């Protein structure tokens, strides 16, 4: 008997897997557990569209499968699981829907929301202390300007005048307005 894989491991694998591989991963889990519960030597006998009763399930083996899948998925599954979803394919679809596609990667707007929330959660006196430290203030301002520059896509044109050399200023003026 194999040791149970932690439920987080399956969720992590599903989250990291391309969408087209997620169903296969859950199908393999279901087929493997069905074969173990019924004492089959391999999963080859477990066809995705064969009914659980045709495969040999009764109420005891149904509960055993439910318990194993609960352990491996971390989901709260009913004792009637194999009767509610009567084939391995139907059960796979149900588990996949319950497990979801996995956490989505944070979007740029999500990250901006997180940054705004961090600023909002920082007490005003702490912000004032940080802003009073010239090194911190200039570092934060430079990084925010660099992000804005990347967003604007102007190759650094929004940098402050203090950061530009005379040659850079004249090159900018020439490129934007032409030579006179």
N, C-alpha and C. Protein backbone atom coordinates (compact mmCIF):
# COMPACT_ATOMS: atom_id res chain seq x y z
N UNK A 1 0.85 -1.19 0.00
CA UNK A 1 0.00 0.00 0.00
C UNK A 1 0.89 1.24 0.00
N UNK A 2 0.63 2.17 -0.94
CA UNK A 2 1.44 3.37 -1.04
C UNK A 2 1.02 4.40 -0.01
N UNK A 3 1.99 5.22 0.39
CA UNK A 3 1.68 6.31 1.32
C UNK A 3 0.87 7.37 0.59
N UNK A 4 -0.01 8.00 1.30
CA UNK A 4 -0.85 9.03 0.70
C UNK A 4 -0.02 10.26 0.37
N UNK A 5 -0.26 10.80 -0.80
CA UNK A 5 0.38 12.06 -1.18
C UNK A 5 -0.41 13.17 -0.51
N UNK A 6 0.27 14.18 0.00
CA UNK A 6 -0.48 15.26 0.63
C UNK A 6 -1.36 15.99 -0.38
N UNK A 7 -2.54 16.42 0.08
CA UNK A 7 -3.50 17.10 -0.80
C UNK A 7 -2.89 18.33 -1.44
N UNK A 8 -2.06 19.07 -0.69
CA UNK A 8 -1.43 20.26 -1.25
C UNK A 8 -0.54 19.91 -2.43
N UNK A 9 0.05 18.72 -2.41
CA UNK A 9 0.91 18.29 -3.51
C UNK A 9 0.12 18.17 -4.81
N UNK A 10 -1.08 17.60 -4.74
CA UNK A 10 -1.92 17.49 -5.93
C UNK A 10 -2.34 18.87 -6.41
N UNK A 11 -2.78 19.70 -5.49
CA UNK A 11 -3.19 21.05 -5.89
C UNK A 11 -2.03 21.82 -6.51
N UNK A 12 -0.84 21.68 -5.94
CA UNK A 12 0.34 22.35 -6.49
C UNK A 12 0.66 21.83 -7.89
N UNK A 13 0.57 20.49 -8.05
CA UNK A 13 0.84 19.90 -9.37
C UNK A 13 -0.18 20.39 -10.38
N UNK A 14 -1.45 20.44 -9.99
CA UNK A 14 -2.49 20.92 -10.91
C UNK A 14 -2.28 22.39 -11.25
N UNK A 15 -1.94 23.18 -10.25
CA UNK A 15 -1.73 24.60 -10.49
C UNK A 15 -0.56 24.85 -11.43
N UNK A 16 0.47 24.02 -11.32
CA UNK A 16 1.66 24.20 -12.15
C UNK A 16 1.51 23.59 -13.53
N UNK A 17 0.55 22.67 -13.69
CA UNK A 17 0.38 21.97 -14.96
C UNK A 17 -0.36 22.83 -15.98
N UNK A 18 0.01 22.68 -17.24
CA UNK A 18 -0.79 23.35 -18.29
C UNK A 18 -2.23 22.85 -18.24
N UNK A 19 -3.15 23.67 -18.65
CA UNK A 19 -4.58 23.33 -18.57
C UNK A 19 -4.88 21.98 -19.23
N UNK A 20 -4.23 21.69 -20.35
CA UNK A 20 -4.53 20.45 -21.06
C UNK A 20 -4.04 19.20 -20.33
N UNK A 21 -3.15 19.36 -19.34
CA UNK A 21 -2.63 18.21 -18.59
C UNK A 21 -3.39 17.96 -17.28
N UNK A 22 -4.17 18.92 -16.83
CA UNK A 22 -4.84 18.80 -15.53
C UNK A 22 -5.81 17.63 -15.50
N UNK A 23 -6.60 17.48 -16.55
CA UNK A 23 -7.57 16.39 -16.58
C UNK A 23 -6.84 15.04 -16.50
N UNK A 24 -5.75 14.90 -17.26
CA UNK A 24 -4.99 13.66 -17.26
C UNK A 24 -4.48 13.33 -15.87
N UNK A 25 -3.98 14.34 -15.14
CA UNK A 25 -3.48 14.11 -13.78
C UNK A 25 -4.57 13.59 -12.85
N UNK A 26 -5.77 14.17 -12.95
CA UNK A 26 -6.87 13.72 -12.09
C UNK A 26 -7.37 12.35 -12.55
N UNK A 27 -7.42 12.12 -13.87
CA UNK A 27 -7.79 10.79 -14.38
C UNK A 27 -6.86 9.72 -13.83
N UNK A 28 -5.55 10.00 -13.83
CA UNK A 28 -4.58 9.04 -13.32
C UNK A 28 -4.78 8.78 -11.83
N UNK A 29 -5.09 9.83 -11.08
CA UNK A 29 -5.37 9.68 -9.65
C UNK A 29 -6.58 8.77 -9.44
N UNK A 30 -7.67 9.09 -10.14
CA UNK A 30 -8.90 8.30 -9.98
C UNK A 30 -8.66 6.85 -10.38
N UNK A 31 -8.09 6.62 -11.55
CA UNK A 31 -7.86 5.25 -12.02
C UNK A 31 -6.94 4.49 -11.07
N UNK A 32 -5.92 5.14 -10.57
CA UNK A 32 -4.99 4.49 -9.64
C UNK A 32 -5.67 4.11 -8.34
N UNK A 33 -6.50 4.98 -7.82
CA UNK A 33 -7.19 4.69 -6.57
C UNK A 33 -8.26 3.62 -6.76
N UNK A 34 -8.96 3.66 -7.89
CA UNK A 34 -9.96 2.63 -8.18
C UNK A 34 -9.27 1.27 -8.25
N UNK A 35 -8.15 1.21 -8.97
CA UNK A 35 -7.43 -0.07 -9.10
C UNK A 35 -6.96 -0.57 -7.73
N UNK A 36 -6.46 0.32 -6.90
CA UNK A 36 -6.00 -0.10 -5.56
C UNK A 36 -7.16 -0.61 -4.70
N UNK A 37 -8.25 0.13 -4.69
CA UNK A 37 -9.40 -0.26 -3.86
C UNK A 37 -9.92 -1.63 -4.28
N UNK A 38 -9.96 -1.88 -5.59
CA UNK A 38 -10.52 -3.14 -6.08
C UNK A 38 -9.48 -4.24 -6.19
N UNK A 39 -8.21 -3.92 -5.91
CA UNK A 39 -7.16 -4.93 -5.96
C UNK A 39 -6.71 -5.30 -7.36
N UNK A 40 -6.94 -4.41 -8.34
CA UNK A 40 -6.51 -4.67 -9.71
C UNK A 40 -4.99 -4.50 -9.80
N UNK A 41 -4.37 -5.30 -10.66
CA UNK A 41 -2.92 -5.24 -10.83
C UNK A 41 -2.50 -3.96 -11.56
N UNK A 42 -3.37 -3.42 -12.40
CA UNK A 42 -3.03 -2.19 -13.13
C UNK A 42 -4.29 -1.37 -13.34
N UNK A 43 -4.10 -0.18 -13.86
CA UNK A 43 -5.24 0.70 -14.14
C UNK A 43 -5.86 0.40 -15.50
N UNK A 44 -5.26 -0.50 -16.26
CA UNK A 44 -5.77 -0.81 -17.60
C UNK A 44 -7.21 -1.30 -17.58
N UNK A 45 -7.62 -1.98 -16.52
CA UNK A 45 -8.97 -2.51 -16.40
C UNK A 45 -9.98 -1.40 -16.10
N UNK A 46 -9.50 -0.29 -15.59
CA UNK A 46 -10.38 0.81 -15.19
C UNK A 46 -10.61 1.72 -16.40
N UNK A 47 -11.66 1.42 -17.15
CA UNK A 47 -11.99 2.28 -18.29
C UNK A 47 -12.71 3.52 -17.81
N UNK A 48 -12.46 4.65 -18.44
CA UNK A 48 -13.06 5.90 -17.96
C UNK A 48 -14.59 5.91 -18.01
N UNK A 49 -15.18 5.11 -18.92
CA UNK A 49 -16.62 5.13 -19.07
C UNK A 49 -17.31 3.89 -18.50
N UNK A 50 -16.55 3.03 -17.86
CA UNK A 50 -17.16 1.87 -17.20
C UNK A 50 -17.78 2.32 -15.89
N UNK A 51 -18.96 1.84 -15.59
CA UNK A 51 -19.61 2.26 -14.34
C UNK A 51 -18.88 1.63 -13.16
N UNK A 52 -18.96 2.30 -12.04
CA UNK A 52 -18.32 1.78 -10.84
C UNK A 52 -18.95 0.44 -10.42
N UNK A 53 -20.25 0.29 -10.61
CA UNK A 53 -20.87 -1.00 -10.26
C UNK A 53 -20.37 -2.09 -11.18
N UNK A 54 -20.19 -1.80 -12.45
CA UNK A 54 -19.64 -2.77 -13.40
C UNK A 54 -18.20 -3.15 -13.02
N UNK A 55 -17.46 -2.18 -12.49
CA UNK A 55 -16.08 -2.44 -12.07
C UNK A 55 -16.03 -3.29 -10.80
N UNK A 56 -17.14 -3.35 -10.05
CA UNK A 56 -17.17 -4.18 -8.85
C UNK A 56 -17.33 -3.42 -7.55
N UNK A 57 -17.73 -2.17 -7.62
CA UNK A 57 -17.89 -1.39 -6.39
C UNK A 57 -19.17 -1.77 -5.66
N UNK A 58 -19.06 -1.76 -4.33
CA UNK A 58 -20.22 -1.86 -3.45
C UNK A 58 -20.11 -0.70 -2.47
N UNK A 59 -20.96 -0.67 -1.47
CA UNK A 59 -20.96 0.49 -0.55
C UNK A 59 -19.65 0.60 0.23
N UNK A 60 -19.06 -0.52 0.61
CA UNK A 60 -17.80 -0.47 1.37
C UNK A 60 -16.63 0.03 0.52
N UNK A 61 -16.52 -0.49 -0.70
CA UNK A 61 -15.42 -0.03 -1.56
C UNK A 61 -15.65 1.41 -2.00
N UNK A 62 -16.92 1.82 -2.13
CA UNK A 62 -17.23 3.21 -2.48
C UNK A 62 -16.73 4.16 -1.39
N UNK A 63 -16.96 3.79 -0.13
CA UNK A 63 -16.50 4.61 0.99
C UNK A 63 -14.97 4.61 1.06
N UNK A 64 -14.35 3.46 0.80
CA UNK A 64 -12.89 3.37 0.78
C UNK A 64 -12.32 4.31 -0.28
N UNK A 65 -12.90 4.29 -1.48
CA UNK A 65 -12.43 5.19 -2.55
C UNK A 65 -12.62 6.65 -2.15
N UNK A 66 -13.79 6.95 -1.60
CA UNK A 66 -14.05 8.32 -1.15
C UNK A 66 -13.00 8.77 -0.13
N UNK A 67 -12.68 7.91 0.84
CA UNK A 67 -11.70 8.27 1.87
C UNK A 67 -10.32 8.51 1.26
N UNK A 68 -9.94 7.66 0.33
CA UNK A 68 -8.62 7.83 -0.32
C UNK A 68 -8.57 9.13 -1.12
N UNK A 69 -9.65 9.41 -1.84
CA UNK A 69 -9.67 10.64 -2.65
C UNK A 69 -9.75 11.88 -1.76
N UNK A 70 -10.43 11.77 -0.64
CA UNK A 70 -10.48 12.88 0.31
C UNK A 70 -9.07 13.19 0.81
N UNK A 71 -8.32 12.15 1.15
CA UNK A 71 -6.96 12.33 1.63
C UNK A 71 -6.07 12.96 0.56
N UNK A 72 -6.19 12.49 -0.66
CA UNK A 72 -5.30 12.95 -1.73
C UNK A 72 -5.68 14.30 -2.32
N UNK A 73 -6.95 14.66 -2.22
CA UNK A 73 -7.39 15.93 -2.80
C UNK A 73 -7.58 17.04 -1.77
N UNK A 74 -7.81 16.64 -0.52
CA UNK A 74 -8.11 17.63 0.52
C UNK A 74 -9.55 18.12 0.45
N UNK A 75 -10.35 17.52 -0.41
CA UNK A 75 -11.75 17.92 -0.55
C UNK A 75 -12.63 17.16 0.44
N UNK A 76 -13.73 17.75 0.81
CA UNK A 76 -14.73 17.06 1.63
C UNK A 76 -15.69 16.40 0.64
N UNK A 77 -15.61 15.08 0.57
CA UNK A 77 -16.40 14.34 -0.43
C UNK A 77 -17.46 13.50 0.26
N UNK A 78 -18.64 13.38 -0.33
CA UNK A 78 -19.72 12.60 0.29
C UNK A 78 -19.49 11.10 0.16
N UNK A 79 -20.09 10.33 1.04
CA UNK A 79 -19.99 8.87 0.99
C UNK A 79 -20.64 8.33 -0.28
N UNK A 80 -21.54 9.08 -0.87
CA UNK A 80 -22.25 8.66 -2.08
C UNK A 80 -21.51 9.07 -3.36
N UNK A 81 -20.25 9.42 -3.24
CA UNK A 81 -19.48 9.96 -4.36
C UNK A 81 -19.57 9.11 -5.63
N UNK A 82 -19.32 7.81 -5.53
CA UNK A 82 -19.32 6.98 -6.74
C UNK A 82 -20.73 6.73 -7.27
N UNK A 83 -21.74 6.93 -6.45
CA UNK A 83 -23.10 6.79 -6.94
C UNK A 83 -23.58 8.10 -7.57
N UNK A 84 -23.08 9.22 -7.06
CA UNK A 84 -23.41 10.52 -7.64
C UNK A 84 -22.67 10.75 -8.97
N UNK A 85 -21.50 10.17 -9.09
CA UNK A 85 -20.66 10.30 -10.29
C UNK A 85 -20.26 8.88 -10.68
N UNK A 86 -21.11 8.18 -11.47
CA UNK A 86 -21.04 6.73 -11.61
C UNK A 86 -19.93 6.15 -12.49
N UNK A 87 -19.10 6.98 -13.09
CA UNK A 87 -17.98 6.46 -13.89
C UNK A 87 -16.71 7.20 -13.50
N UNK A 88 -15.55 6.61 -13.77
CA UNK A 88 -14.31 7.33 -13.50
C UNK A 88 -14.23 8.67 -14.25
N UNK A 89 -14.75 8.73 -15.46
CA UNK A 89 -14.73 10.00 -16.21
C UNK A 89 -15.60 11.06 -15.53
N UNK A 90 -16.79 10.65 -15.07
CA UNK A 90 -17.68 11.59 -14.38
C UNK A 90 -17.06 12.04 -13.06
N UNK A 91 -16.45 11.11 -12.35
CA UNK A 91 -15.80 11.45 -11.09
C UNK A 91 -14.61 12.37 -11.32
N UNK A 92 -13.85 12.11 -12.37
CA UNK A 92 -12.72 12.98 -12.71
C UNK A 92 -13.20 14.40 -12.97
N UNK A 93 -14.27 14.53 -13.75
CA UNK A 93 -14.82 15.86 -14.03
C UNK A 93 -15.26 16.57 -12.77
N UNK A 94 -15.90 15.83 -11.88
CA UNK A 94 -16.35 16.42 -10.61
C UNK A 94 -15.16 16.89 -9.77
N UNK A 95 -14.16 16.04 -9.63
CA UNK A 95 -12.99 16.41 -8.82
C UNK A 95 -12.26 17.60 -9.43
N UNK A 96 -12.13 17.59 -10.73
CA UNK A 96 -11.44 18.69 -11.41
C UNK A 96 -12.18 20.01 -11.18
N UNK A 97 -13.50 19.95 -11.25
CA UNK A 97 -14.29 21.17 -11.00
C UNK A 97 -14.12 21.64 -9.56
N UNK A 98 -14.05 20.70 -8.62
CA UNK A 98 -13.89 21.05 -7.21
C UNK A 98 -12.50 21.59 -6.92
N UNK A 99 -11.50 21.01 -7.59
CA UNK A 99 -10.12 21.44 -7.35
C UNK A 99 -9.82 22.77 -8.03
N UNK A 100 -10.58 23.08 -9.05
CA UNK A 100 -10.39 24.35 -9.74
C UNK A 100 -9.13 24.37 -10.58
N UNK A 101 -8.95 25.42 -11.32
CA UNK A 101 -7.80 25.51 -12.21
C UNK A 101 -6.51 25.83 -11.49
N UNK A 102 -6.60 26.06 -10.20
CA UNK A 102 -5.39 26.45 -9.49
C UNK A 102 -5.31 27.95 -9.37
N UNK A 103 -4.46 28.41 -8.52
CA UNK A 103 -4.36 29.85 -8.35
C UNK A 103 -3.84 30.51 -9.60
N UNK A 104 -4.50 31.56 -9.98
CA UNK A 104 -4.04 32.32 -11.14
C UNK A 104 -2.84 33.16 -10.74
N UNK A 105 -1.98 33.35 -11.69
CA UNK A 105 -0.83 34.22 -11.44
C UNK A 105 -1.35 35.63 -11.24
N UNK A 106 -0.78 36.34 -10.30
CA UNK A 106 -1.26 37.71 -10.06
C UNK A 106 -1.04 38.58 -11.29
N UNK A 107 -2.01 39.40 -11.57
CA UNK A 107 -1.90 40.32 -12.70
C UNK A 107 -1.21 41.59 -12.24
N UNK A 108 -0.87 42.41 -13.19
CA UNK A 108 -0.25 43.70 -12.88
C UNK A 108 -1.17 44.53 -11.99
N UNK A 109 -2.47 44.51 -12.29
CA UNK A 109 -3.41 45.27 -11.46
C UNK A 109 -3.50 44.69 -10.04
N UNK A 110 -3.42 43.35 -9.93
CA UNK A 110 -3.41 42.73 -8.60
C UNK A 110 -2.21 43.22 -7.80
N UNK A 111 -1.07 43.28 -8.45
CA UNK A 111 0.14 43.73 -7.76
C UNK A 111 0.05 45.20 -7.38
N UNK A 112 -0.54 46.02 -8.24
CA UNK A 112 -0.74 47.43 -7.89
C UNK A 112 -1.69 47.56 -6.70
N UNK A 113 -2.74 46.74 -6.69
CA UNK A 113 -3.67 46.73 -5.55
C UNK A 113 -2.93 46.37 -4.26
N UNK A 114 -2.04 45.37 -4.38
CA UNK A 114 -1.27 44.94 -3.21
C UNK A 114 -0.37 46.07 -2.71
N UNK A 115 0.27 46.78 -3.65
CA UNK A 115 1.14 47.90 -3.28
C UNK A 115 0.33 49.02 -2.61
N UNK A 116 -0.82 49.34 -3.20
CA UNK A 116 -1.67 50.37 -2.61
C UNK A 116 -2.15 49.96 -1.22
N UNK A 117 -2.48 48.68 -1.05
CA UNK A 117 -2.92 48.19 0.26
C UNK A 117 -1.79 48.29 1.28
N UNK A 118 -0.56 48.03 0.84
CA UNK A 118 0.58 48.13 1.75
C UNK A 118 0.77 49.59 2.19
N UNK A 119 0.64 50.51 1.26
CA UNK A 119 0.74 51.92 1.63
C UNK A 119 -0.39 52.30 2.58
N UNK A 120 -1.60 51.86 2.28
CA UNK A 120 -2.76 52.20 3.11
C UNK A 120 -2.64 51.59 4.51
N UNK A 121 -2.02 50.42 4.61
CA UNK A 121 -1.91 49.74 5.89
C UNK A 121 -0.76 50.27 6.74
N UNK A 122 0.12 51.04 6.13
CA UNK A 122 1.26 51.59 6.87
C UNK A 122 0.82 52.84 7.61
N UNK A 123 1.02 52.89 8.90
CA UNK A 123 0.60 54.07 9.67
C UNK A 123 1.27 55.34 9.12
N UNK A 124 0.55 56.45 9.13
CA UNK A 124 1.08 57.71 8.59
C UNK A 124 2.43 58.11 9.21
N UNK A 125 2.59 57.86 10.52
CA UNK A 125 3.85 58.24 11.16
C UNK A 125 5.01 57.40 10.62
N UNK A 126 4.75 56.14 10.28
CA UNK A 126 5.79 55.29 9.71
C UNK A 126 6.15 55.78 8.31
N UNK A 127 5.13 56.13 7.52
CA UNK A 127 5.39 56.68 6.19
C UNK A 127 6.20 57.97 6.29
N UNK A 128 5.86 58.80 7.27
CA UNK A 128 6.58 60.06 7.45
C UNK A 128 8.04 59.80 7.81
N UNK A 129 8.29 58.80 8.67
CA UNK A 129 9.66 58.45 9.04
C UNK A 129 10.44 57.96 7.82
N UNK A 130 9.81 57.11 7.04
CA UNK A 130 10.48 56.59 5.84
C UNK A 130 10.76 57.70 4.84
N UNK A 131 9.79 58.59 4.65
CA UNK A 131 9.96 59.69 3.71
C UNK A 131 11.03 60.67 4.18
N UNK A 132 11.22 60.78 5.50
CA UNK A 132 12.23 61.69 6.04
C UNK A 132 13.65 61.17 5.79
N UNK A 133 13.79 59.87 5.62
CA UNK A 133 15.11 59.28 5.32
C UNK A 133 15.36 59.48 3.83
N UNK A 134 16.28 60.37 3.50
CA UNK A 134 16.52 60.76 2.11
C UNK A 134 16.91 59.58 1.22
N UNK A 135 17.68 58.65 1.76
CA UNK A 135 18.10 57.50 0.97
C UNK A 135 16.91 56.62 0.60
N UNK A 136 16.05 56.34 1.58
CA UNK A 136 14.86 55.53 1.33
C UNK A 136 13.92 56.25 0.37
N UNK A 137 13.72 57.54 0.64
CA UNK A 137 12.81 58.33 -0.20
C UNK A 137 13.28 58.33 -1.65
N UNK A 138 14.57 58.57 -1.88
CA UNK A 138 15.07 58.63 -3.25
C UNK A 138 15.04 57.25 -3.91
N UNK A 139 15.30 56.20 -3.14
CA UNK A 139 15.26 54.85 -3.69
C UNK A 139 13.84 54.48 -4.12
N UNK A 140 12.86 54.74 -3.25
CA UNK A 140 11.46 54.43 -3.58
C UNK A 140 11.02 55.26 -4.78
N UNK A 141 11.33 56.55 -4.77
CA UNK A 141 10.93 57.43 -5.87
C UNK A 141 11.56 56.98 -7.19
N UNK A 142 12.83 56.61 -7.16
CA UNK A 142 13.51 56.17 -8.38
C UNK A 142 12.89 54.88 -8.92
N UNK A 143 12.58 53.95 -8.04
CA UNK A 143 11.98 52.69 -8.49
C UNK A 143 10.58 52.91 -9.06
N UNK A 144 9.81 53.78 -8.41
CA UNK A 144 8.47 54.07 -8.94
C UNK A 144 8.56 54.79 -10.29
N UNK A 145 9.52 55.72 -10.42
CA UNK A 145 9.72 56.39 -11.72
C UNK A 145 10.14 55.39 -12.79
N UNK A 146 11.02 54.45 -12.42
CA UNK A 146 11.47 53.45 -13.39
C UNK A 146 10.31 52.59 -13.87
N UNK A 147 9.42 52.22 -12.95
CA UNK A 147 8.24 51.45 -13.35
C UNK A 147 7.34 52.26 -14.28
N UNK A 148 7.14 53.52 -13.93
CA UNK A 148 6.31 54.38 -14.76
C UNK A 148 6.94 54.58 -16.14
N UNK A 149 8.24 54.69 -16.18
CA UNK A 149 8.94 54.83 -17.45
C UNK A 149 8.72 53.60 -18.32
N UNK A 150 8.83 52.42 -17.71
CA UNK A 150 8.58 51.19 -18.47
C UNK A 150 7.15 51.15 -18.96
N UNK A 151 6.21 51.59 -18.11
CA UNK A 151 4.81 51.59 -18.49
C UNK A 151 4.56 52.56 -19.65
N UNK A 152 5.12 53.75 -19.54
CA UNK A 152 4.95 54.74 -20.59
C UNK A 152 5.62 54.31 -21.89
N UNK A 153 6.65 53.47 -21.78
CA UNK A 153 7.33 52.96 -22.96
C UNK A 153 8.11 54.01 -23.73
N UNK A 154 8.57 55.03 -23.03
CA UNK A 154 9.27 56.08 -23.76
C UNK A 154 10.79 56.01 -23.59
N UNK A 155 11.27 54.86 -23.15
CA UNK A 155 12.72 54.68 -23.09
C UNK A 155 13.41 55.59 -22.09
N UNK A 156 12.74 56.02 -21.06
CA UNK A 156 13.39 56.79 -20.02
C UNK A 156 13.17 58.28 -20.12
N UNK A 157 12.31 58.74 -21.02
CA UNK A 157 12.08 60.16 -21.20
C UNK A 157 11.49 60.81 -19.95
N UNK A 158 10.74 60.06 -19.15
CA UNK A 158 10.12 60.66 -17.97
C UNK A 158 11.07 60.77 -16.79
N UNK A 159 12.31 60.37 -16.97
CA UNK A 159 13.27 60.52 -15.87
C UNK A 159 13.40 62.00 -15.53
N UNK A 160 13.77 62.28 -14.31
CA UNK A 160 13.85 63.68 -13.90
C UNK A 160 15.01 64.38 -14.59
N UNK A 161 14.90 65.67 -14.69
CA UNK A 161 15.95 66.46 -15.31
C UNK A 161 17.25 66.37 -14.53
N UNK A 162 17.14 66.21 -13.22
CA UNK A 162 18.34 66.12 -12.38
C UNK A 162 19.18 64.90 -12.72
N UNK A 163 18.53 63.84 -13.23
CA UNK A 163 19.23 62.60 -13.54
C UNK A 163 19.91 62.63 -14.90
N UNK A 164 19.55 63.60 -15.75
CA UNK A 164 20.06 63.63 -17.12
C UNK A 164 21.28 64.54 -17.24
N UNK A 165 22.20 64.11 -18.09
CA UNK A 165 23.36 64.95 -18.39
C UNK A 165 22.95 65.99 -19.43
N UNK A 166 23.81 66.99 -19.64
CA UNK A 166 23.52 68.01 -20.65
C UNK A 166 23.35 67.38 -22.02
N UNK A 167 24.25 66.43 -22.37
CA UNK A 167 24.16 65.77 -23.68
C UNK A 167 22.84 65.03 -23.82
N UNK A 168 22.39 64.35 -22.75
CA UNK A 168 21.12 63.62 -22.80
C UNK A 168 19.95 64.58 -22.99
N UNK A 169 20.00 65.74 -22.33
CA UNK A 169 18.94 66.72 -22.50
C UNK A 169 18.88 67.24 -23.92
N UNK A 170 20.05 67.58 -24.49
CA UNK A 170 20.07 68.08 -25.87
C UNK A 170 19.64 66.99 -26.86
N UNK A 171 20.05 65.75 -26.61
CA UNK A 171 19.62 64.65 -27.48
C UNK A 171 18.11 64.47 -27.43
N UNK A 172 17.55 64.58 -26.22
CA UNK A 172 16.11 64.46 -26.07
C UNK A 172 15.39 65.58 -26.83
N UNK A 173 15.84 66.81 -26.63
CA UNK A 173 15.21 67.95 -27.31
C UNK A 173 15.30 67.77 -28.82
N UNK A 174 16.48 67.36 -29.30
CA UNK A 174 16.66 67.15 -30.74
C UNK A 174 15.73 66.05 -31.26
N UNK A 175 15.61 64.94 -30.49
CA UNK A 175 14.80 63.83 -30.97
C UNK A 175 13.31 64.16 -30.95
N UNK A 176 12.89 64.97 -29.99
CA UNK A 176 11.48 65.30 -29.87
C UNK A 176 11.06 66.46 -30.77
N UNK A 177 11.93 67.43 -30.87
CA UNK A 177 11.53 68.66 -31.56
C UNK A 177 12.38 68.95 -32.79
N UNK A 178 13.38 68.16 -33.02
CA UNK A 178 14.24 68.36 -34.18
C UNK A 178 15.25 69.46 -33.95
N UNK A 179 16.26 69.46 -34.77
CA UNK A 179 17.29 70.50 -34.68
C UNK A 179 16.80 71.75 -35.39
N UNK A 180 17.21 72.88 -34.86
CA UNK A 180 16.81 74.13 -35.53
C UNK A 180 17.98 74.76 -36.21
